[in-house]
Amino acid sequence: MRQTFGWDVFFVLEHDDLRRAPDREHFVRARDQGRTLITLDRDFLDARRYPPDASGGVIVCSAPGERELLMLLARLDREVLRAGDGSPARVPGPLVGRILDWHSGAAF
């Protein structure tokens, strides 16, 4: 995500204290940092457990393989996260207070 799309990413697997943290901790950390949470974990689609209005947005991605996931992220970058001129979206991002189920065929 950093190299391919130039995203400012906080990757939980790079932080020992967050690797095995519960989903709720990931949600709260993203919210506190004003970040959109991008995940493969479908549990985050539960708006009762993870209220979108209390977040910087949640994107749950699903793809059958790594190649398809990369294509899906490229589409997400192009269609959702970039401003009209191709530059990174301004804060607050377009997803504040929203949950997206982003998969092949998904429309924004």
PDB file of N, CA and C in Angstrom:
ATOM      1  N   MET A   1       0.820  -1.192   0.000  1.00  0.00           N
ATOM      2  CA  MET A   1       0.000   0.000   0.000  1.00  0.00           C
ATOM      3  C   MET A   1       0.866   1.259   0.000  1.00  0.00           C
ATOM      4  N   ARG A   2       1.929   1.212   0.771  1.00  0.00           N
ATOM      5  CA  ARG A   2       2.837   2.373   0.800  1.00  0.00           C
ATOM      6  C   ARG A   2       3.549   2.531  -0.528  1.00  0.00           C
ATOM      7  N   GLN A   3       4.147   1.442  -1.003  1.00  0.00           N
ATOM      8  CA  GLN A   3       4.973   1.512  -2.203  1.00  0.00           C
ATOM      9  C   GLN A   3       4.137   1.648  -3.467  1.00  0.00           C
ATOM     10  N   THR A   4       3.093   0.882  -3.576  1.00  0.00           N
ATOM     11  CA  THR A   4       2.296   0.882  -4.797  1.00  0.00           C
ATOM     12  C   THR A   4       1.424   2.120  -4.929  1.00  0.00           C
ATOM     13  N   PHE A   5       0.783   2.536  -3.819  1.00  0.00           N
ATOM     14  CA  PHE A   5      -0.195   3.620  -3.889  1.00  0.00           C
ATOM     15  C   PHE A   5       0.243   4.900  -3.179  1.00  0.00           C
ATOM     16  N   GLY A   6       1.335   4.822  -2.416  1.00  0.00           N
ATOM     17  CA  GLY A   6       1.802   5.998  -1.691  1.00  0.00           C
ATOM     18  C   GLY A   6       0.931   6.369  -0.505  1.00  0.00           C
ATOM     19  N   TRP A   7       0.202   5.377   0.030  1.00  0.00           N
ATOM     20  CA  TRP A   7      -0.690   5.634   1.159  1.00  0.00           C
ATOM     21  C   TRP A   7       0.111   5.811   2.447  1.00  0.00           C
ATOM     22  N   ASP A   8      -0.373   6.648   3.326  1.00  0.00           N
ATOM     23  CA  ASP A   8       0.168   6.801   4.669  1.00  0.00           C
ATOM     24  C   ASP A   8      -0.490   5.702   5.506  1.00  0.00           C
ATOM     25  N   VAL A   9       0.236   4.605   5.700  1.00  0.00           N
ATOM     26  CA  VAL A   9      -0.331   3.391   6.289  1.00  0.00           C
ATOM     27  C   VAL A   9       0.213   3.149   7.685  1.00  0.00           C
ATOM     28  N   PHE A  10      -0.676   2.816   8.602  1.00  0.00           N
ATOM     29  CA  PHE A  10      -0.307   2.309   9.918  1.00  0.00           C
ATOM     30  C   PHE A  10      -0.683   0.835   9.879  1.00  0.00           C
ATOM     31  N   PHE A  11       0.310  -0.027   9.738  1.00  0.00           N
ATOM     32  CA  PHE A  11       0.096  -1.462   9.537  1.00  0.00           C
ATOM     33  C   PHE A  11       0.270  -2.178  10.868  1.00  0.00           C
ATOM     34  N   VAL A  12      -0.815  -2.750  11.392  1.00  0.00           N
ATOM     35  CA  VAL A  12      -0.762  -3.315  12.746  1.00  0.00           C
ATOM     36  C   VAL A  12       0.258  -4.439  12.886  1.00  0.00           C
ATOM     37  N   LEU A  13       0.541  -5.158  11.809  1.00  0.00           N
ATOM     38  CA  LEU A  13       1.509  -6.255  11.916  1.00  0.00           C
ATOM     39  C   LEU A  13       2.929  -5.755  12.141  1.00  0.00           C
ATOM     40  N   GLU A  14       3.164  -4.472  11.929  1.00  0.00           N
ATOM     41  CA  GLU A  14       4.482  -3.891  12.193  1.00  0.00           C
ATOM     42  C   GLU A  14       4.644  -3.452  13.645  1.00  0.00           C
ATOM     43  N   HIS A  15       3.609  -3.640  14.456  1.00  0.00           N
ATOM     44  CA  HIS A  15       3.623  -3.197  15.853  1.00  0.00           C
ATOM     45  C   HIS A  15       3.310  -4.391  16.756  1.00  0.00           C
ATOM     46  N   ASP A  16       4.308  -4.843  17.490  1.00  0.00           N
ATOM     47  CA  ASP A  16       4.145  -6.037  18.317  1.00  0.00           C
ATOM     48  C   ASP A  16       2.964  -5.945  19.274  1.00  0.00           C
ATOM     49  N   ASP A  17       2.719  -4.757  19.828  1.00  0.00           N
ATOM     50  CA  ASP A  17       1.632  -4.608  20.793  1.00  0.00           C
ATOM     51  C   ASP A  17       0.249  -4.711  20.143  1.00  0.00           C
ATOM     52  N   LEU A  18       0.165  -4.616  18.822  1.00  0.00           N
ATOM     53  CA  LEU A  18      -1.131  -4.678  18.144  1.00  0.00           C
ATOM     54  C   LEU A  18      -1.356  -5.953  17.345  1.00  0.00           C
ATOM     55  N   ARG A  19      -0.315  -6.720  17.147  1.00  0.00           N
ATOM     56  CA  ARG A  19      -0.442  -7.926  16.315  1.00  0.00           C
ATOM     57  C   ARG A  19      -1.585  -8.837  16.743  1.00  0.00           C
ATOM     58  N   ARG A  20      -1.684  -9.071  18.011  1.00  0.00           N
ATOM     59  CA  ARG A  20      -2.706  -9.987  18.514  1.00  0.00           C
ATOM     60  C   ARG A  20      -3.798  -9.251  19.291  1.00  0.00           C
ATOM     61  N   ALA A  21      -3.839  -7.959  19.116  1.00  0.00           N
ATOM     62  CA  ALA A  21      -4.858  -7.169  19.818  1.00  0.00           C
ATOM     63  C   ALA A  21      -6.240  -7.503  19.261  1.00  0.00           C
ATOM     64  N   PRO A  22      -7.254  -7.361  20.086  1.00  0.00           N
ATOM     65  CA  PRO A  22      -8.622  -7.605  19.607  1.00  0.00           C
ATOM     66  C   PRO A  22      -9.027  -6.589  18.539  1.00  0.00           C
ATOM     67  N   ASP A  23      -9.996  -6.979  17.728  1.00  0.00           N
ATOM     68  CA  ASP A  23     -10.491  -6.101  16.674  1.00  0.00           C
ATOM     69  C   ASP A  23     -10.888  -4.739  17.215  1.00  0.00           C
ATOM     70  N   ARG A  24     -11.499  -4.723  18.376  1.00  0.00           N
ATOM     71  CA  ARG A  24     -11.959  -3.462  18.970  1.00  0.00           C
ATOM     72  C   ARG A  24     -10.791  -2.484  19.149  1.00  0.00           C
ATOM     73  N   GLU A  25      -9.631  -3.017  19.541  1.00  0.00           N
ATOM     74  CA  GLU A  25      -8.444  -2.173  19.723  1.00  0.00           C
ATOM     75  C   GLU A  25      -8.012  -1.564  18.379  1.00  0.00           C
ATOM     76  N   HIS A  26      -8.078  -2.343  17.311  1.00  0.00           N
ATOM     77  CA  HIS A  26      -7.730  -1.826  15.986  1.00  0.00           C
ATOM     78  C   HIS A  26      -8.705  -0.723  15.570  1.00  0.00           C
ATOM     79  N   PHE A  27      -9.975  -0.938  15.831  1.00  0.00           N
ATOM     80  CA  PHE A  27     -10.995   0.055  15.503  1.00  0.00           C
ATOM     81  C   PHE A  27     -10.762   1.357  16.269  1.00  0.00           C
ATOM     82  N   VAL A  28     -10.533   1.230  17.567  1.00  0.00           N
ATOM     83  CA  VAL A  28     -10.325   2.410  18.417  1.00  0.00           C
ATOM     84  C   VAL A  28      -9.048   3.142  18.014  1.00  0.00           C
ATOM     85  N   ARG A  29      -7.990   2.402  17.737  1.00  0.00           N
ATOM     86  CA  ARG A  29      -6.721   3.030  17.343  1.00  0.00           C
ATOM     87  C   ARG A  29      -6.895   3.810  16.038  1.00  0.00           C
ATOM     88  N   ALA A  30      -7.566   3.216  15.057  1.00  0.00           N
ATOM     89  CA  ALA A  30      -7.803   3.920  13.788  1.00  0.00           C
ATOM     90  C   ALA A  30      -8.642   5.175  14.030  1.00  0.00           C
ATOM     91  N   ARG A  31      -9.673   5.055  14.841  1.00  0.00           N
ATOM     92  CA  ARG A  31     -10.525   6.207  15.147  1.00  0.00           C
ATOM     93  C   ARG A  31      -9.723   7.312  15.826  1.00  0.00           C
ATOM     94  N   ASP A  32      -8.945   6.936  16.828  1.00  0.00           N
ATOM     95  CA  ASP A  32      -8.166   7.927  17.578  1.00  0.00           C
ATOM     96  C   ASP A  32      -7.131   8.629  16.703  1.00  0.00           C
ATOM     97  N   GLN A  33      -6.640   7.939  15.684  1.00  0.00           N
ATOM     98  CA  GLN A  33      -5.649   8.532  14.777  1.00  0.00           C
ATOM     99  C   GLN A  33      -6.295   9.197  13.564  1.00  0.00           C
ATOM    100  N   GLY A  34      -7.629   9.150  13.500  1.00  0.00           N
ATOM    101  CA  GLY A  34      -8.329   9.762  12.371  1.00  0.00           C
ATOM    102  C   GLY A  34      -8.082   9.047  11.061  1.00  0.00           C
ATOM    103  N   ARG A  35      -7.912   7.728  11.135  1.00  0.00           N
ATOM    104  CA  ARG A  35      -7.606   6.939   9.942  1.00  0.00           C
ATOM    105  C   ARG A  35      -8.804   6.100   9.510  1.00  0.00           C
ATOM    106  N   THR A  36      -8.845   5.799   8.222  1.00  0.00           N
ATOM    107  CA  THR A  36      -9.797   4.838   7.699  1.00  0.00           C
ATOM    108  C   THR A  36      -9.191   3.453   7.900  1.00  0.00           C
ATOM    109  N   LEU A  37      -9.963   2.555   8.470  1.00  0.00           N
ATOM    110  CA  LEU A  37      -9.520   1.188   8.716  1.00  0.00           C
ATOM    111  C   LEU A  37      -9.782   0.358   7.461  1.00  0.00           C
ATOM    112  N   ILE A  38      -8.740  -0.228   6.889  1.00  0.00           N
ATOM    113  CA  ILE A  38      -8.870  -1.105   5.724  1.00  0.00           C
ATOM    114  C   ILE A  38      -8.489  -2.501   6.173  1.00  0.00           C
ATOM    115  N   THR A  39      -9.389  -3.453   5.956  1.00  0.00           N
ATOM    116  CA  THR A  39      -9.212  -4.789   6.513  1.00  0.00           C
ATOM    117  C   THR A  39      -9.827  -5.850   5.610  1.00  0.00           C
ATOM    118  N   LEU A  40      -9.428  -7.086   5.856  1.00  0.00           N
ATOM    119  CA  LEU A  40     -10.062  -8.247   5.215  1.00  0.00           C
ATOM    120  C   LEU A  40     -11.070  -8.901   6.164  1.00  0.00           C
ATOM    121  N   ASP A  41     -11.143  -8.417   7.374  1.00  0.00           N
ATOM    122  CA  ASP A  41     -11.956  -9.010   8.437  1.00  0.00           C
ATOM    123  C   ASP A  41     -13.405  -8.543   8.346  1.00  0.00           C
ATOM    124  N   ARG A  42     -14.282  -9.441   7.957  1.00  0.00           N
ATOM    125  CA  ARG A  42     -15.693  -9.108   7.747  1.00  0.00           C
ATOM    126  C   ARG A  42     -16.428  -8.770   9.047  1.00  0.00           C
ATOM    127  N   ASP A  43     -15.832  -9.052  10.188  1.00  0.00           N
ATOM    128  CA  ASP A  43     -16.451  -8.679  11.468  1.00  0.00           C
ATOM    129  C   ASP A  43     -16.691  -7.175  11.539  1.00  0.00           C
ATOM    130  N   PHE A  44     -15.867  -6.393  10.854  1.00  0.00           N
ATOM    131  CA  PHE A  44     -15.984  -4.940  10.907  1.00  0.00           C
ATOM    132  C   PHE A  44     -17.197  -4.413  10.143  1.00  0.00           C
ATOM    133  N   LEU A  45     -17.931  -5.288   9.453  1.00  0.00           N
ATOM    134  CA  LEU A  45     -19.161  -4.874   8.790  1.00  0.00           C
ATOM    135  C   LEU A  45     -20.309  -4.713   9.782  1.00  0.00           C
ATOM    136  N   ASP A  46     -20.136  -5.207  11.005  1.00  0.00           N
ATOM    137  CA  ASP A  46     -21.172  -5.125  12.034  1.00  0.00           C
ATOM    138  C   ASP A  46     -21.195  -3.710  12.630  1.00  0.00           C
ATOM    139  N   ALA A  47     -22.131  -2.900  12.154  1.00  0.00           N
ATOM    140  CA  ALA A  47     -22.213  -1.500  12.570  1.00  0.00           C
ATOM    141  C   ALA A  47     -22.602  -1.347  14.040  1.00  0.00           C
ATOM    142  N   ARG A  48     -23.175  -2.384  14.635  1.00  0.00           N
ATOM    143  CA  ARG A  48     -23.486  -2.297  16.070  1.00  0.00           C
ATOM    144  C   ARG A  48     -22.223  -2.411  16.906  1.00  0.00           C
ATOM    145  N   ARG A  49     -21.315  -3.266  16.498  1.00  0.00           N
ATOM    146  CA  ARG A  49     -20.049  -3.434  17.225  1.00  0.00           C
ATOM    147  C   ARG A  49     -19.039  -2.359  16.865  1.00  0.00           C
ATOM    148  N   TYR A  50     -19.085  -1.895  15.624  1.00  0.00           N
ATOM    149  CA  TYR A  50     -18.131  -0.908  15.124  1.00  0.00           C
ATOM    150  C   TYR A  50     -18.918   0.226  14.466  1.00  0.00           C
ATOM    151  N   PRO A  51     -19.481   1.123  15.261  1.00  0.00           N
ATOM    152  CA  PRO A  51     -20.356   2.166  14.716  1.00  0.00           C
ATOM    153  C   PRO A  51     -19.624   3.107  13.755  1.00  0.00           C
ATOM    154  N   PRO A  52     -20.107   3.194  12.528  1.00  0.00           N
ATOM    155  CA  PRO A  52     -19.418   4.019  11.532  1.00  0.00           C
ATOM    156  C   PRO A  52     -19.337   5.487  11.918  1.00  0.00           C
ATOM    157  N   ASP A  53     -20.336   5.996  12.617  1.00  0.00           N
ATOM    158  CA  ASP A  53     -20.303   7.412  12.980  1.00  0.00           C
ATOM    159  C   ASP A  53     -19.240   7.721  14.022  1.00  0.00           C
ATOM    160  N   ALA A  54     -18.636   6.678  14.598  1.00  0.00           N
ATOM    161  CA  ALA A  54     -17.559   6.850  15.584  1.00  0.00           C
ATOM    162  C   ALA A  54     -16.214   6.481  14.969  1.00  0.00           C
ATOM    163  N   SER A  55     -16.091   6.638  13.639  1.00  0.00           N
ATOM    164  CA  SER A  55     -14.849   6.206  12.994  1.00  0.00           C
ATOM    165  C   SER A  55     -14.464   7.140  11.859  1.00  0.00           C
ATOM    166  N   GLY A  56     -13.252   6.924  11.384  1.00  0.00           N
ATOM    167  CA  GLY A  56     -12.779   7.610  10.184  1.00  0.00           C
ATOM    168  C   GLY A  56     -13.154   6.830   8.945  1.00  0.00           C
ATOM    169  N   GLY A  57     -14.017   5.856   9.111  1.00  0.00           N
ATOM    170  CA  GLY A  57     -14.461   5.005   8.020  1.00  0.00           C
ATOM    171  C   GLY A  57     -13.821   3.627   8.098  1.00  0.00           C
ATOM    172  N   VAL A  58     -14.542   2.647   7.571  1.00  0.00           N
ATOM    173  CA  VAL A  58     -14.067   1.268   7.536  1.00  0.00           C
ATOM    174  C   VAL A  58     -14.286   0.741   6.123  1.00  0.00           C
ATOM    175  N   ILE A  59     -13.260   0.101   5.570  1.00  0.00           N
ATOM    176  CA  ILE A  59     -13.369  -0.567   4.279  1.00  0.00           C
ATOM    177  C   ILE A  59     -13.020  -2.027   4.495  1.00  0.00           C
ATOM    178  N   VAL A  60     -13.968  -2.902   4.211  1.00  0.00           N
ATOM    179  CA  VAL A  60     -13.738  -4.337   4.319  1.00  0.00           C
ATOM    180  C   VAL A  60     -13.586  -4.864   2.900  1.00  0.00           C
ATOM    181  N   CYS A  61     -12.398  -5.351   2.581  1.00  0.00           N
ATOM    182  CA  CYS A  61     -12.089  -5.850   1.242  1.00  0.00           C
ATOM    183  C   CYS A  61     -12.214  -7.366   1.206  1.00  0.00           C
ATOM    184  N   SER A  62     -12.628  -7.865   0.052  1.00  0.00           N
ATOM    185  CA  SER A  62     -12.602  -9.314  -0.139  1.00  0.00           C
ATOM    186  C   SER A  62     -12.276  -9.602  -1.602  1.00  0.00           C
ATOM    187  N   ALA A  63     -11.351 -10.530  -1.768  1.00  0.00           N
ATOM    188  CA  ALA A  63     -10.904 -10.945  -3.100  1.00  0.00           C
ATOM    189  C   ALA A  63     -10.424 -12.388  -2.986  1.00  0.00           C
ATOM    190  N   PRO A  64     -10.536 -13.147  -4.067  1.00  0.00           N
ATOM    191  CA  PRO A  64     -10.164 -14.560  -3.998  1.00  0.00           C
ATOM    192  C   PRO A  64      -8.668 -14.835  -3.896  1.00  0.00           C
ATOM    193  N   GLY A  65      -7.839 -13.874  -4.241  1.00  0.00           N
ATOM    194  CA  GLY A  65      -6.397 -14.096  -4.194  1.00  0.00           C
ATOM    195  C   GLY A  65      -5.645 -12.781  -4.121  1.00  0.00           C
ATOM    196  N   GLU A  66      -4.315 -12.891  -3.992  1.00  0.00           N
ATOM    197  CA  GLU A  66      -3.476 -11.692  -3.843  1.00  0.00           C
ATOM    198  C   GLU A  66      -3.529 -10.800  -5.079  1.00  0.00           C
ATOM    199  N   ARG A  67      -3.500 -11.384  -6.249  1.00  0.00           N
ATOM    200  CA  ARG A  67      -3.555 -10.599  -7.492  1.00  0.00           C
ATOM    201  C   ARG A  67      -4.859  -9.807  -7.570  1.00  0.00           C
ATOM    202  N   GLU A  68      -5.970 -10.473  -7.269  1.00  0.00           N
ATOM    203  CA  GLU A  68      -7.274  -9.818  -7.305  1.00  0.00           C
ATOM    204  C   GLU A  68      -7.387  -8.743  -6.222  1.00  0.00           C
ATOM    205  N   LEU A  69      -6.770  -8.996  -5.061  1.00  0.00           N
ATOM    206  CA  LEU A  69      -6.784  -8.004  -3.994  1.00  0.00           C
ATOM    207  C   LEU A  69      -6.024  -6.755  -4.422  1.00  0.00           C
ATOM    208  N   LEU A  70      -4.889  -6.926  -5.075  1.00  0.00           N
ATOM    209  CA  LEU A  70      -4.122  -5.780  -5.559  1.00  0.00           C
ATOM    210  C   LEU A  70      -4.932  -4.976  -6.570  1.00  0.00           C
ATOM    211  N   MET A  71      -5.642  -5.655  -7.464  1.00  0.00           N
ATOM    212  CA  MET A  71      -6.489  -4.955  -8.440  1.00  0.00           C
ATOM    213  C   MET A  71      -7.637  -4.235  -7.725  1.00  0.00           C
ATOM    214  N   LEU A  72      -8.180  -4.855  -6.708  1.00  0.00           N
ATOM    215  CA  LEU A  72      -9.264  -4.252  -5.929  1.00  0.00           C
ATOM    216  C   LEU A  72      -8.779  -3.003  -5.198  1.00  0.00           C
ATOM    217  N   LEU A  73      -7.590  -3.078  -4.609  1.00  0.00           N
ATOM    218  CA  LEU A  73      -7.025  -1.914  -3.917  1.00  0.00           C
ATOM    219  C   LEU A  73      -6.713  -0.787  -4.899  1.00  0.00           C
ATOM    220  N   ALA A  74      -6.250  -1.137  -6.098  1.00  0.00           N
ATOM    221  CA  ALA A  74      -5.986  -0.119  -7.121  1.00  0.00           C
ATOM    222  C   ALA A  74      -7.279   0.598  -7.492  1.00  0.00           C
ATOM    223  N   ARG A  75      -8.344  -0.149  -7.616  1.00  0.00           N
ATOM    224  CA  ARG A  75      -9.646   0.459  -7.927  1.00  0.00           C
ATOM    225  C   ARG A  75     -10.131   1.330  -6.772  1.00  0.00           C
ATOM    226  N   LEU A  76      -9.935   0.866  -5.549  1.00  0.00           N
ATOM    227  CA  LEU A  76     -10.286   1.649  -4.363  1.00  0.00           C
ATOM    228  C   LEU A  76      -9.512   2.964  -4.354  1.00  0.00           C
ATOM    229  N   ASP A  77      -8.235   2.878  -4.630  1.00  0.00           N
ATOM    230  CA  ASP A  77      -7.386   4.063  -4.668  1.00  0.00           C
ATOM    231  C   ASP A  77      -7.889   5.052  -5.721  1.00  0.00           C
ATOM    232  N   ARG A  78      -8.173   4.546  -6.885  1.00  0.00           N
ATOM    233  CA  ARG A  78      -8.574   5.380  -8.021  1.00  0.00           C
ATOM    234  C   ARG A  78      -9.975   5.975  -7.841  1.00  0.00           C
ATOM    235  N   GLU A  79     -10.929   5.175  -7.381  1.00  0.00           N
ATOM    236  CA  GLU A  79     -12.325   5.592  -7.369  1.00  0.00           C
ATOM    237  C   GLU A  79     -12.794   6.234  -6.066  1.00  0.00           C
ATOM    238  N   VAL A  80     -12.109   5.941  -4.963  1.00  0.00           N
ATOM    239  CA  VAL A  80     -12.612   6.389  -3.667  1.00  0.00           C
ATOM    240  C   VAL A  80     -11.634   7.295  -2.936  1.00  0.00           C
ATOM    241  N   LEU A  81     -10.375   6.900  -2.879  1.00  0.00           N
ATOM    242  CA  LEU A  81      -9.432   7.583  -2.003  1.00  0.00           C
ATOM    243  C   LEU A  81      -8.705   8.762  -2.637  1.00  0.00           C
ATOM    244  N   ARG A  82      -8.783   8.919  -3.939  1.00  0.00           N
ATOM    245  CA  ARG A  82      -8.103  10.033  -4.607  1.00  0.00           C
ATOM    246  C   ARG A  82      -9.083  11.163  -4.875  1.00  0.00           C
ATOM    247  N   ALA A  83      -8.568  12.379  -4.815  1.00  0.00           N
ATOM    248  CA  ALA A  83      -9.364  13.538  -5.220  1.00  0.00           C
ATOM    249  C   ALA A  83      -9.515  13.484  -6.737  1.00  0.00           C
ATOM    250  N   GLY A  84     -10.373  14.307  -7.294  1.00  0.00           N
ATOM    251  CA  GLY A  84     -10.633  14.293  -8.730  1.00  0.00           C
ATOM    252  C   GLY A  84      -9.396  14.486  -9.588  1.00  0.00           C
ATOM    253  N   ASP A  85      -8.368  15.156  -9.071  1.00  0.00           N
ATOM    254  CA  ASP A  85      -7.157  15.408  -9.851  1.00  0.00           C
ATOM    255  C   ASP A  85      -6.099  14.324  -9.666  1.00  0.00           C
ATOM    256  N   GLY A  86      -6.433  13.242  -8.955  1.00  0.00           N
ATOM    257  CA  GLY A  86      -5.491  12.146  -8.748  1.00  0.00           C
ATOM    258  C   GLY A  86      -4.640  12.290  -7.510  1.00  0.00           C
ATOM    259  N   SER A  87      -4.709  13.429  -6.843  1.00  0.00           N
ATOM    260  CA  SER A  87      -3.932  13.612  -5.620  1.00  0.00           C
ATOM    261  C   SER A  87      -4.651  12.930  -4.455  1.00  0.00           C
ATOM    262  N   PRO A  88      -3.933  12.654  -3.368  1.00  0.00           N
ATOM    263  CA  PRO A  88      -4.583  12.007  -2.224  1.00  0.00           C
ATOM    264  C   PRO A  88      -5.770  12.830  -1.732  1.00  0.00           C
ATOM    265  N   ALA A  89      -6.811  12.133  -1.305  1.00  0.00           N
ATOM    266  CA  ALA A  89      -8.011  12.805  -0.799  1.00  0.00           C
ATOM    267  C   ALA A  89      -7.669  13.660   0.406  1.00  0.00           C
ATOM    268  N   ARG A  90      -8.370  14.741   0.538  1.00  0.00           N
ATOM    269  CA  ARG A  90      -8.154  15.630   1.675  1.00  0.00           C
ATOM    270  C   ARG A  90      -8.869  15.094   2.906  1.00  0.00           C
ATOM    271  N   VAL A  91      -8.357  15.455   4.073  1.00  0.00           N
ATOM    272  CA  VAL A  91      -8.956  15.048   5.340  1.00  0.00           C
ATOM    273  C   VAL A  91     -10.043  16.049   5.676  1.00  0.00           C
ATOM    274  N   PRO A  92     -11.224  15.666   6.160  1.00  0.00           N
ATOM    275  CA  PRO A  92     -11.568  14.278   6.402  1.00  0.00           C
ATOM    276  C   PRO A  92     -11.866  13.555   5.094  1.00  0.00           C
ATOM    277  N   GLY A  93     -11.504  12.313   5.068  1.00  0.00           N
ATOM    278  CA  GLY A  93     -11.675  11.522   3.870  1.00  0.00           C
ATOM    279  C   GLY A  93     -13.134  11.282   3.541  1.00  0.00           C
ATOM    280  N   PRO A  94     -13.353  10.737   2.368  1.00  0.00           N
ATOM    281  CA  PRO A  94     -14.722  10.504   1.910  1.00  0.00           C
ATOM    282  C   PRO A  94     -15.440   9.417   2.698  1.00  0.00           C
ATOM    283  N   LEU A  95     -14.735   8.734   3.586  1.00  0.00           N
ATOM    284  CA  LEU A  95     -15.330   7.594   4.270  1.00  0.00           C
ATOM    285  C   LEU A  95     -15.654   7.842   5.734  1.00  0.00           C
ATOM    286  N   VAL A  96     -15.408   9.033   6.223  1.00  0.00           N
ATOM    287  CA  VAL A  96     -15.701   9.321   7.626  1.00  0.00           C
ATOM    288  C   VAL A  96     -17.156   8.973   7.894  1.00  0.00           C
ATOM    289  N   GLY A  97     -17.362   8.126   8.901  1.00  0.00           N
ATOM    290  CA  GLY A  97     -18.709   7.735   9.283  1.00  0.00           C
ATOM    291  C   GLY A  97     -19.362   6.696   8.385  1.00  0.00           C
ATOM    292  N   ARG A  98     -18.572   6.020   7.541  1.00  0.00           N
ATOM    293  CA  ARG A  98     -19.139   5.028   6.625  1.00  0.00           C
ATOM    294  C   ARG A  98     -18.411   3.701   6.732  1.00  0.00           C
ATOM    295  N   ILE A  99     -19.119   2.642   6.345  1.00  0.00           N
ATOM    296  CA  ILE A  99     -18.528   1.312   6.203  1.00  0.00           C
ATOM    297  C   ILE A  99     -18.760   0.891   4.758  1.00  0.00           C
ATOM    298  N   LEU A 100     -17.685   0.472   4.085  1.00  0.00           N
ATOM    299  CA  LEU A 100     -17.801  -0.048   2.725  1.00  0.00           C
ATOM    300  C   LEU A 100     -17.436  -1.520   2.695  1.00  0.00           C
ATOM    301  N   ASP A 101     -18.260  -2.307   2.031  1.00  0.00           N
ATOM    302  CA  ASP A 101     -17.958  -3.708   1.752  1.00  0.00           C
ATOM    303  C   ASP A 101     -17.422  -3.721   0.322  1.00  0.00           C
ATOM    304  N   TRP A 102     -16.085  -3.711   0.184  1.00  0.00           N
ATOM    305  CA  TRP A 102     -15.416  -3.487  -1.096  1.00  0.00           C
ATOM    306  C   TRP A 102     -14.941  -4.802  -1.676  1.00  0.00           C
ATOM    307  N   HIS A 103     -15.561  -5.215  -2.778  1.00  0.00           N
ATOM    308  CA  HIS A 103     -15.218  -6.482  -3.397  1.00  0.00           C
ATOM    309  C   HIS A 103     -15.412  -6.338  -4.903  1.00  0.00           C
ATOM    310  N   SER A 104     -15.053  -7.341  -5.626  1.00  0.00           N
ATOM    311  CA  SER A 104     -15.235  -7.295  -7.086  1.00  0.00           C
ATOM    312  C   SER A 104     -16.692  -6.993  -7.395  1.00  0.00           C
ATOM    313  N   GLY A 105     -16.899  -6.016  -8.237  1.00  0.00           N
ATOM    314  CA  GLY A 105     -18.261  -5.634  -8.608  1.00  0.00           C
ATOM    315  C   GLY A 105     -18.884  -4.602  -7.683  1.00  0.00           C
ATOM    316  N   ALA A 106     -18.163  -4.224  -6.600  1.00  0.00           N
ATOM    317  CA  ALA A 106     -18.699  -3.233  -5.667  1.00  0.00           C
ATOM    318  C   ALA A 106     -18.748  -1.864  -6.333  1.00  0.00           C
ATOM    319  N   ALA A 107     -19.795  -1.147  -6.068  1.00  0.00           N
ATOM    320  CA  ALA A 107     -19.917   0.225  -6.560  1.00  0.00           C
ATOM    321  C   ALA A 107     -19.877   1.170  -5.378  1.00  0.00           C
ATOM    322  N   PHE A 108     -19.212   2.283  -5.536  1.00  0.00           N
ATOM    323  CA  PHE A 108     -19.096   3.261  -4.445  1.00  0.00           C
ATOM    324  C   PHE A 108     -20.311   4.140  -4.446  1.00  0.00           C
TER     325      PHE A 108
END
